[in-house]
Amino acid sequence: MLLLAYSGWFNLQVDYYAILEVDVAASAKEIVAAYRKAALSMHPDKYKNVSPEQQEAIANKFLGVIKALRVLENEEMRAAYDKCRDYMQAN
């Protein structure tokens, strides 16, 4: 039941660990550090002098980084994501 509640919160087609460039066994502290590094490198404010299309792509990547943090920093949501991800990989 809990798994169904969280399934709408994340996309199983997206590897949140890869987005943050962390291992599946990464600690919460490592996840937050990776988020900060990624957020600083691709924050949309750093790319004001690029085309609107590039700005949109960068903003979408930045939103992906935020979503990865939200899923992986919450222990219950991360457990549900991992369980679904493992199930999908097994089948």
PDB file of N, CA and C in Angstrom:
ATOM      1  N   MET A   1       0.820  -1.191   0.000  1.00  0.00           N
ATOM      2  CA  MET A   1       0.000   0.000   0.000  1.00  0.00           C
ATOM      3  C   MET A   1       0.868   1.261   0.000  1.00  0.00           C
ATOM      4  N   LEU A   2       1.881   1.267   0.857  1.00  0.00           N
ATOM      5  CA  LEU A   2       2.783   2.415   0.925  1.00  0.00           C
ATOM      6  C   LEU A   2       3.493   2.622  -0.403  1.00  0.00           C
ATOM      7  N   LEU A   3       3.848   1.503  -1.045  1.00  0.00           N
ATOM      8  CA  LEU A   3       4.535   1.570  -2.323  1.00  0.00           C
ATOM      9  C   LEU A   3       3.678   2.287  -3.363  1.00  0.00           C
ATOM     10  N   LEU A   4       2.402   2.015  -3.385  1.00  0.00           N
ATOM     11  CA  LEU A   4       1.501   2.686  -4.323  1.00  0.00           C
ATOM     12  C   LEU A   4       1.391   4.170  -4.038  1.00  0.00           C
ATOM     13  N   ALA A   5       1.450   4.530  -2.775  1.00  0.00           N
ATOM     14  CA  ALA A   5       1.366   5.948  -2.413  1.00  0.00           C
ATOM     15  C   ALA A   5       2.549   6.724  -2.965  1.00  0.00           C
ATOM     16  N   TYR A   6       3.726   6.134  -2.943  1.00  0.00           N
ATOM     17  CA  TYR A   6       4.924   6.828  -3.413  1.00  0.00           C
ATOM     18  C   TYR A   6       5.146   6.710  -4.914  1.00  0.00           C
ATOM     19  N   SER A   7       4.511   5.762  -5.554  1.00  0.00           N
ATOM     20  CA  SER A   7       4.798   5.534  -6.970  1.00  0.00           C
ATOM     21  C   SER A   7       4.509   6.743  -7.850  1.00  0.00           C
ATOM     22  N   GLY A   8       3.621   7.623  -7.427  1.00  0.00           N
ATOM     23  CA  GLY A   8       3.352   8.829  -8.190  1.00  0.00           C
ATOM     24  C   GLY A   8       4.361   9.940  -7.946  1.00  0.00           C
ATOM     25  N   TRP A   9       5.239   9.743  -6.975  1.00  0.00           N
ATOM     26  CA  TRP A   9       6.201  10.774  -6.593  1.00  0.00           C
ATOM     27  C   TRP A   9       7.505  10.678  -7.355  1.00  0.00           C
ATOM     28  N   PHE A  10       7.752   9.560  -7.988  1.00  0.00           N
ATOM     29  CA  PHE A  10       9.002   9.428  -8.726  1.00  0.00           C
ATOM     30  C   PHE A  10       8.775   8.713 -10.047  1.00  0.00           C
ATOM     31  N   ASN A  11       9.731   8.853 -10.918  1.00  0.00           N
ATOM     32  CA  ASN A  11       9.679   8.269 -12.244  1.00  0.00           C
ATOM     33  C   ASN A  11      10.704   7.142 -12.306  1.00  0.00           C
ATOM     34  N   LEU A  12      10.249   5.925 -12.500  1.00  0.00           N
ATOM     35  CA  LEU A  12      11.161   4.783 -12.540  1.00  0.00           C
ATOM     36  C   LEU A  12      12.012   4.753 -13.801  1.00  0.00           C
ATOM     37  N   GLN A  13      11.694   5.590 -14.763  1.00  0.00           N
ATOM     38  CA  GLN A  13      12.506   5.677 -15.975  1.00  0.00           C
ATOM     39  C   GLN A  13      13.752   6.543 -15.750  1.00  0.00           C
ATOM     40  N   VAL A  14      13.796   7.217 -14.608  1.00  0.00           N
ATOM     41  CA  VAL A  14      14.892   8.134 -14.289  1.00  0.00           C
ATOM     42  C   VAL A  14      15.749   7.530 -13.192  1.00  0.00           C
ATOM     43  N   ASP A  15      17.061   7.558 -13.394  1.00  0.00           N
ATOM     44  CA  ASP A  15      17.992   7.065 -12.375  1.00  0.00           C
ATOM     45  C   ASP A  15      18.466   8.259 -11.547  1.00  0.00           C
ATOM     46  N   TYR A  16      17.838   8.450 -10.404  1.00  0.00           N
ATOM     47  CA  TYR A  16      18.164   9.587  -9.555  1.00  0.00           C
ATOM     48  C   TYR A  16      19.584   9.496  -9.002  1.00  0.00           C
ATOM     49  N   TYR A  17      20.076   8.289  -8.830  1.00  0.00           N
ATOM     50  CA  TYR A  17      21.460   8.118  -8.367  1.00  0.00           C
ATOM     51  C   TYR A  17      22.442   8.619  -9.437  1.00  0.00           C
ATOM     52  N   ALA A  18      22.150   8.316 -10.682  1.00  0.00           N
ATOM     53  CA  ALA A  18      23.019   8.768 -11.783  1.00  0.00           C
ATOM     54  C   ALA A  18      22.976  10.286 -11.922  1.00  0.00           C
ATOM     55  N   ILE A  19      21.807  10.878 -11.737  1.00  0.00           N
ATOM     56  CA  ILE A  19      21.694  12.335 -11.840  1.00  0.00           C
ATOM     57  C   ILE A  19      22.613  13.016 -10.836  1.00  0.00           C
ATOM     58  N   LEU A  20      22.636  12.487  -9.611  1.00  0.00           N
ATOM     59  CA  LEU A  20      23.486  13.084  -8.564  1.00  0.00           C
ATOM     60  C   LEU A  20      24.894  12.503  -8.553  1.00  0.00           C
ATOM     61  N   GLU A  21      25.126  11.517  -9.422  1.00  0.00           N
ATOM     62  CA  GLU A  21      26.432  10.860  -9.524  1.00  0.00           C
ATOM     63  C   GLU A  21      26.878  10.295  -8.179  1.00  0.00           C
ATOM     64  N   VAL A  22      25.961   9.540  -7.542  1.00  0.00           N
ATOM     65  CA  VAL A  22      26.266   8.862  -6.282  1.00  0.00           C
ATOM     66  C   VAL A  22      25.966   7.376  -6.431  1.00  0.00           C
ATOM     67  N   ASP A  23      26.569   6.599  -5.560  1.00  0.00           N
ATOM     68  CA  ASP A  23      26.347   5.168  -5.527  1.00  0.00           C
ATOM     69  C   ASP A  23      24.997   4.873  -4.867  1.00  0.00           C
ATOM     70  N   VAL A  24      24.425   3.738  -5.168  1.00  0.00           N
ATOM     71  CA  VAL A  24      23.149   3.336  -4.585  1.00  0.00           C
ATOM     72  C   VAL A  24      23.253   3.245  -3.058  1.00  0.00           C
ATOM     73  N   ALA A  25      24.435   2.964  -2.567  1.00  0.00           N
ATOM     74  CA  ALA A  25      24.645   2.837  -1.122  1.00  0.00           C
ATOM     75  C   ALA A  25      25.072   4.156  -0.477  1.00  0.00           C
ATOM     76  N   ALA A  26      24.968   5.250  -1.191  1.00  0.00           N
ATOM     77  CA  ALA A  26      25.405   6.551  -0.667  1.00  0.00           C
ATOM     78  C   ALA A  26      24.614   6.934   0.581  1.00  0.00           C
ATOM     79  N   SER A  27      25.301   7.585   1.490  1.00  0.00           N
ATOM     80  CA  SER A  27      24.650   8.059   2.712  1.00  0.00           C
ATOM     81  C   SER A  27      23.861   9.336   2.408  1.00  0.00           C
ATOM     82  N   ALA A  28      23.024   9.706   3.357  1.00  0.00           N
ATOM     83  CA  ALA A  28      22.246  10.947   3.201  1.00  0.00           C
ATOM     84  C   ALA A  28      23.181  12.138   3.060  1.00  0.00           C
ATOM     85  N   LYS A  29      24.268  12.132   3.811  1.00  0.00           N
ATOM     86  CA  LYS A  29      25.243  13.219   3.750  1.00  0.00           C
ATOM     87  C   LYS A  29      25.895  13.297   2.365  1.00  0.00           C
ATOM     88  N   GLU A  30      26.213  12.149   1.783  1.00  0.00           N
ATOM     89  CA  GLU A  30      26.806  12.116   0.443  1.00  0.00           C
ATOM     90  C   GLU A  30      25.813  12.602  -0.610  1.00  0.00           C
ATOM     91  N   ILE A  31      24.566  12.270  -0.425  1.00  0.00           N
ATOM     92  CA  ILE A  31      23.526  12.691  -1.373  1.00  0.00           C
ATOM     93  C   ILE A  31      23.361  14.207  -1.340  1.00  0.00           C
ATOM     94  N   VAL A  32      23.325  14.775  -0.158  1.00  0.00           N
ATOM     95  CA  VAL A  32      23.180  16.232  -0.041  1.00  0.00           C
ATOM     96  C   VAL A  32      24.405  16.934  -0.614  1.00  0.00           C
ATOM     97  N   ALA A  33      25.598  16.395  -0.367  1.00  0.00           N
ATOM     98  CA  ALA A  33      26.823  16.993  -0.913  1.00  0.00           C
ATOM     99  C   ALA A  33      26.813  16.938  -2.437  1.00  0.00           C
ATOM    100  N   ALA A  34      26.376  15.814  -2.995  1.00  0.00           N
ATOM    101  CA  ALA A  34      26.303  15.677  -4.449  1.00  0.00           C
ATOM    102  C   ALA A  34      25.267  16.636  -5.029  1.00  0.00           C
ATOM    103  N   TYR A  35      24.154  16.809  -4.326  1.00  0.00           N
ATOM    104  CA  TYR A  35      23.130  17.757  -4.771  1.00  0.00           C
ATOM    105  C   TYR A  35      23.706  19.169  -4.827  1.00  0.00           C
ATOM    106  N   ARG A  36      24.382  19.563  -3.773  1.00  0.00           N
ATOM    107  CA  ARG A  36      24.945  20.924  -3.732  1.00  0.00           C
ATOM    108  C   ARG A  36      25.929  21.148  -4.874  1.00  0.00           C
ATOM    109  N   LYS A  37      26.765  20.155  -5.120  1.00  0.00           N
ATOM    110  CA  LYS A  37      27.739  20.261  -6.212  1.00  0.00           C
ATOM    111  C   LYS A  37      27.028  20.396  -7.561  1.00  0.00           C
ATOM    112  N   ALA A  38      26.033  19.553  -7.792  1.00  0.00           N
ATOM    113  CA  ALA A  38      25.297  19.591  -9.063  1.00  0.00           C
ATOM    114  C   ALA A  38      24.505  20.885  -9.194  1.00  0.00           C
ATOM    115  N   ALA A  39      23.872  21.308  -8.117  1.00  0.00           N
ATOM    116  CA  ALA A  39      23.065  22.531  -8.158  1.00  0.00           C
ATOM    117  C   ALA A  39      23.930  23.751  -8.454  1.00  0.00           C
ATOM    118  N   LEU A  40      25.116  23.801  -7.862  1.00  0.00           N
ATOM    119  CA  LEU A  40      26.011  24.931  -8.125  1.00  0.00           C
ATOM    120  C   LEU A  40      26.505  24.939  -9.560  1.00  0.00           C
ATOM    121  N   SER A  41      26.761  23.777 -10.108  1.00  0.00           N
ATOM    122  CA  SER A  41      27.314  23.725 -11.464  1.00  0.00           C
ATOM    123  C   SER A  41      26.283  23.998 -12.546  1.00  0.00           C
ATOM    124  N   MET A  42      25.015  23.686 -12.283  1.00  0.00           N
ATOM    125  CA  MET A  42      24.020  23.873 -13.347  1.00  0.00           C
ATOM    126  C   MET A  42      22.869  24.790 -12.964  1.00  0.00           C
ATOM    127  N   HIS A  43      23.080  25.637 -12.016  1.00  0.00           N
ATOM    128  CA  HIS A  43      22.016  26.575 -11.633  1.00  0.00           C
ATOM    129  C   HIS A  43      21.696  27.489 -12.810  1.00  0.00           C
ATOM    130  N   PRO A  44      20.436  27.662 -13.134  1.00  0.00           N
ATOM    131  CA  PRO A  44      20.048  28.477 -14.294  1.00  0.00           C
ATOM    132  C   PRO A  44      20.582  29.909 -14.256  1.00  0.00           C
ATOM    133  N   ASP A  45      20.790  30.474 -13.090  1.00  0.00           N
ATOM    134  CA  ASP A  45      21.315  31.838 -13.002  1.00  0.00           C
ATOM    135  C   ASP A  45      22.717  31.970 -13.578  1.00  0.00           C
ATOM    136  N   LYS A  46      23.444  30.872 -13.677  1.00  0.00           N
ATOM    137  CA  LYS A  46      24.799  30.905 -14.225  1.00  0.00           C
ATOM    138  C   LYS A  46      24.803  30.953 -15.751  1.00  0.00           C
ATOM    139  N   TYR A  47      23.646  30.745 -16.358  1.00  0.00           N
ATOM    140  CA  TYR A  47      23.571  30.616 -17.810  1.00  0.00           C
ATOM    141  C   TYR A  47      22.620  31.635 -18.423  1.00  0.00           C
ATOM    142  N   LYS A  48      22.788  32.877 -18.054  1.00  0.00           N
ATOM    143  CA  LYS A  48      21.917  33.937 -18.574  1.00  0.00           C
ATOM    144  C   LYS A  48      22.232  34.308 -20.023  1.00  0.00           C
ATOM    145  N   ASN A  49      23.454  34.042 -20.470  1.00  0.00           N
ATOM    146  CA  ASN A  49      23.877  34.480 -21.804  1.00  0.00           C
ATOM    147  C   ASN A  49      23.791  33.382 -22.852  1.00  0.00           C
ATOM    148  N   VAL A  50      22.919  32.404 -22.633  1.00  0.00           N
ATOM    149  CA  VAL A  50      22.731  31.354 -23.630  1.00  0.00           C
ATOM    150  C   VAL A  50      21.345  31.501 -24.240  1.00  0.00           C
ATOM    151  N   SER A  51      21.108  30.749 -25.291  1.00  0.00           N
ATOM    152  CA  SER A  51      19.813  30.866 -25.989  1.00  0.00           C
ATOM    153  C   SER A  51      18.672  30.412 -25.081  1.00  0.00           C
ATOM    154  N   PRO A  52      17.470  30.858 -25.403  1.00  0.00           N
ATOM    155  CA  PRO A  52      16.307  30.428 -24.608  1.00  0.00           C
ATOM    156  C   PRO A  52      16.132  28.901 -24.580  1.00  0.00           C
ATOM    157  N   GLU A  53      16.441  28.244 -25.689  1.00  0.00           N
ATOM    158  CA  GLU A  53      16.338  26.787 -25.736  1.00  0.00           C
ATOM    159  C   GLU A  53      17.334  26.148 -24.776  1.00  0.00           C
ATOM    160  N   GLN A  54      18.563  26.678 -24.751  1.00  0.00           N
ATOM    161  CA  GLN A  54      19.575  26.155 -23.831  1.00  0.00           C
ATOM    162  C   GLN A  54      19.195  26.446 -22.379  1.00  0.00           C
ATOM    163  N   GLN A  55      18.634  27.624 -22.141  1.00  0.00           N
ATOM    164  CA  GLN A  55      18.185  27.961 -20.783  1.00  0.00           C
ATOM    165  C   GLN A  55      17.110  26.987 -20.314  1.00  0.00           C
ATOM    166  N   GLU A  56      16.197  26.643 -21.202  1.00  0.00           N
ATOM    167  CA  GLU A  56      15.132  25.699 -20.850  1.00  0.00           C
ATOM    168  C   GLU A  56      15.708  24.316 -20.551  1.00  0.00           C
ATOM    169  N   ALA A  57      16.670  23.872 -21.358  1.00  0.00           N
ATOM    170  CA  ALA A  57      17.294  22.566 -21.133  1.00  0.00           C
ATOM    171  C   ALA A  57      18.034  22.544 -19.792  1.00  0.00           C
ATOM    172  N   ILE A  58      18.739  23.618 -19.502  1.00  0.00           N
ATOM    173  CA  ILE A  58      19.476  23.716 -18.238  1.00  0.00           C
ATOM    174  C   ILE A  58      18.497  23.741 -17.067  1.00  0.00           C
ATOM    175  N   ALA A  59      17.418  24.488 -17.207  1.00  0.00           N
ATOM    176  CA  ALA A  59      16.413  24.551 -16.145  1.00  0.00           C
ATOM    177  C   ALA A  59      15.791  23.184 -15.899  1.00  0.00           C
ATOM    178  N   ASN A  60      15.551  22.423 -16.965  1.00  0.00           N
ATOM    179  CA  ASN A  60      14.994  21.083 -16.815  1.00  0.00           C
ATOM    180  C   ASN A  60      15.977  20.145 -16.107  1.00  0.00           C
ATOM    181  N   LYS A  61      17.257  20.265 -16.429  1.00  0.00           N
ATOM    182  CA  LYS A  61      18.272  19.460 -15.744  1.00  0.00           C
ATOM    183  C   LYS A  61      18.329  19.834 -14.268  1.00  0.00           C
ATOM    184  N   PHE A  62      18.244  21.115 -14.002  1.00  0.00           N
ATOM    185  CA  PHE A  62      18.275  21.595 -12.626  1.00  0.00           C
ATOM    186  C   PHE A  62      17.075  21.052 -11.845  1.00  0.00           C
ATOM    187  N   LEU A  63      15.909  21.058 -12.463  1.00  0.00           N
ATOM    188  CA  LEU A  63      14.718  20.498 -11.817  1.00  0.00           C
ATOM    189  C   LEU A  63      14.884  19.005 -11.561  1.00  0.00           C
ATOM    190  N   GLY A  64      15.581  18.319 -12.460  1.00  0.00           N
ATOM    191  CA  GLY A  64      15.872  16.897 -12.259  1.00  0.00           C
ATOM    192  C   GLY A  64      16.755  16.667 -11.051  1.00  0.00           C
ATOM    193  N   VAL A  65      17.716  17.551 -10.842  1.00  0.00           N
ATOM    194  CA  VAL A  65      18.604  17.465  -9.681  1.00  0.00           C
ATOM    195  C   VAL A  65      17.798  17.669  -8.397  1.00  0.00           C
ATOM    196  N   ILE A  66      16.891  18.633  -8.421  1.00  0.00           N
ATOM    197  CA  ILE A  66      16.048  18.886  -7.250  1.00  0.00           C
ATOM    198  C   ILE A  66      15.169  17.673  -6.965  1.00  0.00           C
ATOM    199  N   LYS A  67      14.569  17.116  -8.012  1.00  0.00           N
ATOM    200  CA  LYS A  67      13.702  15.945  -7.842  1.00  0.00           C
ATOM    201  C   LYS A  67      14.500  14.765  -7.290  1.00  0.00           C
ATOM    202  N   ALA A  68      15.715  14.569  -7.784  1.00  0.00           N
ATOM    203  CA  ALA A  68      16.557  13.479  -7.280  1.00  0.00           C
ATOM    204  C   ALA A  68      16.822  13.646  -5.794  1.00  0.00           C
ATOM    205  N   LEU A  69      17.117  14.858  -5.376  1.00  0.00           N
ATOM    206  CA  LEU A  69      17.339  15.103  -3.954  1.00  0.00           C
ATOM    207  C   LEU A  69      16.082  14.795  -3.158  1.00  0.00           C
ATOM    208  N   ARG A  70      14.935  15.265  -3.610  1.00  0.00           N
ATOM    209  CA  ARG A  70      13.681  15.063  -2.882  1.00  0.00           C
ATOM    210  C   ARG A  70      13.364  13.575  -2.704  1.00  0.00           C
ATOM    211  N   VAL A  71      13.625  12.780  -3.731  1.00  0.00           N
ATOM    212  CA  VAL A  71      13.348  11.350  -3.647  1.00  0.00           C
ATOM    213  C   VAL A  71      14.365  10.656  -2.744  1.00  0.00           C
ATOM    214  N   LEU A  72      15.631  10.965  -2.916  1.00  0.00           N
ATOM    215  CA  LEU A  72      16.675  10.221  -2.207  1.00  0.00           C
ATOM    216  C   LEU A  72      16.923  10.694  -0.781  1.00  0.00           C
ATOM    217  N   GLU A  73      16.536  11.909  -0.442  1.00  0.00           N
ATOM    218  CA  GLU A  73      16.775  12.384   0.921  1.00  0.00           C
ATOM    219  C   GLU A  73      15.705  11.894   1.901  1.00  0.00           C
ATOM    220  N   ASN A  74      14.544  11.541   1.396  1.00  0.00           N
ATOM    221  CA  ASN A  74      13.458  11.030   2.223  1.00  0.00           C
ATOM    222  C   ASN A  74      13.623   9.510   2.329  1.00  0.00           C
ATOM    223  N   GLU A  75      13.877   9.013   3.529  1.00  0.00           N
ATOM    224  CA  GLU A  75      14.180   7.596   3.715  1.00  0.00           C
ATOM    225  C   GLU A  75      13.065   6.683   3.222  1.00  0.00           C
ATOM    226  N   GLU A  76      11.821   7.022   3.515  1.00  0.00           N
ATOM    227  CA  GLU A  76      10.699   6.183   3.077  1.00  0.00           C
ATOM    228  C   GLU A  76      10.542   6.206   1.564  1.00  0.00           C
ATOM    229  N   MET A  77      10.661   7.391   0.976  1.00  0.00           N
ATOM    230  CA  MET A  77      10.516   7.507  -0.468  1.00  0.00           C
ATOM    231  C   MET A  77      11.686   6.811  -1.175  1.00  0.00           C
ATOM    232  N   ARG A  78      12.880   6.945  -0.626  1.00  0.00           N
ATOM    233  CA  ARG A  78      14.049   6.287  -1.212  1.00  0.00           C
ATOM    234  C   ARG A  78      13.879   4.771  -1.159  1.00  0.00           C
ATOM    235  N   ALA A  79      13.390   4.258  -0.040  1.00  0.00           N
ATOM    236  CA  ALA A  79      13.171   2.816   0.088  1.00  0.00           C
ATOM    237  C   ALA A  79      12.143   2.336  -0.939  1.00  0.00           C
ATOM    238  N   ALA A  80      11.066   3.100  -1.115  1.00  0.00           N
ATOM    239  CA  ALA A  80      10.046   2.743  -2.103  1.00  0.00           C
ATOM    240  C   ALA A  80      10.625   2.806  -3.512  1.00  0.00           C
ATOM    241  N   TYR A  81      11.389   3.833  -3.803  1.00  0.00           N
ATOM    242  CA  TYR A  81      12.028   3.978  -5.116  1.00  0.00           C
ATOM    243  C   TYR A  81      12.969   2.805  -5.378  1.00  0.00           C
ATOM    244  N   ASP A  82      13.798   2.477  -4.390  1.00  0.00           N
ATOM    245  CA  ASP A  82      14.742   1.372  -4.540  1.00  0.00           C
ATOM    246  C   ASP A  82      14.013   0.051  -4.770  1.00  0.00           C
ATOM    247  N   LYS A  83      12.935  -0.160  -4.023  1.00  0.00           N
ATOM    248  CA  LYS A  83      12.169  -1.394  -4.158  1.00  0.00           C
ATOM    249  C   LYS A  83      11.559  -1.500  -5.555  1.00  0.00           C
ATOM    250  N   CYS A  84      10.956  -0.438  -6.028  1.00  0.00           N
ATOM    251  CA  CYS A  84      10.381  -0.426  -7.378  1.00  0.00           C
ATOM    252  C   CYS A  84      11.463  -0.597  -8.436  1.00  0.00           C
ATOM    253  N   ARG A  85      12.560   0.093  -8.236  1.00  0.00           N
ATOM    254  CA  ARG A  85      13.677   0.037  -9.187  1.00  0.00           C
ATOM    255  C   ARG A  85      14.241  -1.380  -9.268  1.00  0.00           C
ATOM    256  N   ASP A  86      14.417  -2.014  -8.103  1.00  0.00           N
ATOM    257  CA  ASP A  86      14.922  -3.387  -8.075  1.00  0.00           C
ATOM    258  C   ASP A  86      13.950  -4.334  -8.767  1.00  0.00           C
ATOM    259  N   TYR A  87      12.658  -4.139  -8.523  1.00  0.00           N
ATOM    260  CA  TYR A  87      11.642  -4.975  -9.145  1.00  0.00           C
ATOM    261  C   TYR A  87      11.678  -4.814 -10.672  1.00  0.00           C
ATOM    262  N   MET A  88      11.775  -3.589 -11.137  1.00  0.00           N
ATOM    263  CA  MET A  88      11.801  -3.332 -12.578  1.00  0.00           C
ATOM    264  C   MET A  88      13.043  -3.939 -13.225  1.00  0.00           C
ATOM    265  N   GLN A  89      14.172  -3.866 -12.539  1.00  0.00           N
ATOM    266  CA  GLN A  89      15.410  -4.423 -13.078  1.00  0.00           C
ATOM    267  C   GLN A  89      15.367  -5.946 -13.102  1.00  0.00           C
ATOM    268  N   ALA A  90      14.665  -6.549 -12.141  1.00  0.00           N
ATOM    269  CA  ALA A  90      14.567  -8.006 -12.080  1.00  0.00           C
ATOM    270  C   ALA A  90      13.632  -8.556 -13.153  1.00  0.00           C
ATOM    271  N   ASN A  91      12.692  -7.737 -13.608  1.00  0.00           N
ATOM    272  CA  ASN A  91      11.710  -8.224 -14.581  1.00  0.00           C
ATOM    273  C   ASN A  91      11.988  -7.685 -15.926  1.00  0.00           C
TER     274      ASN A  91
END
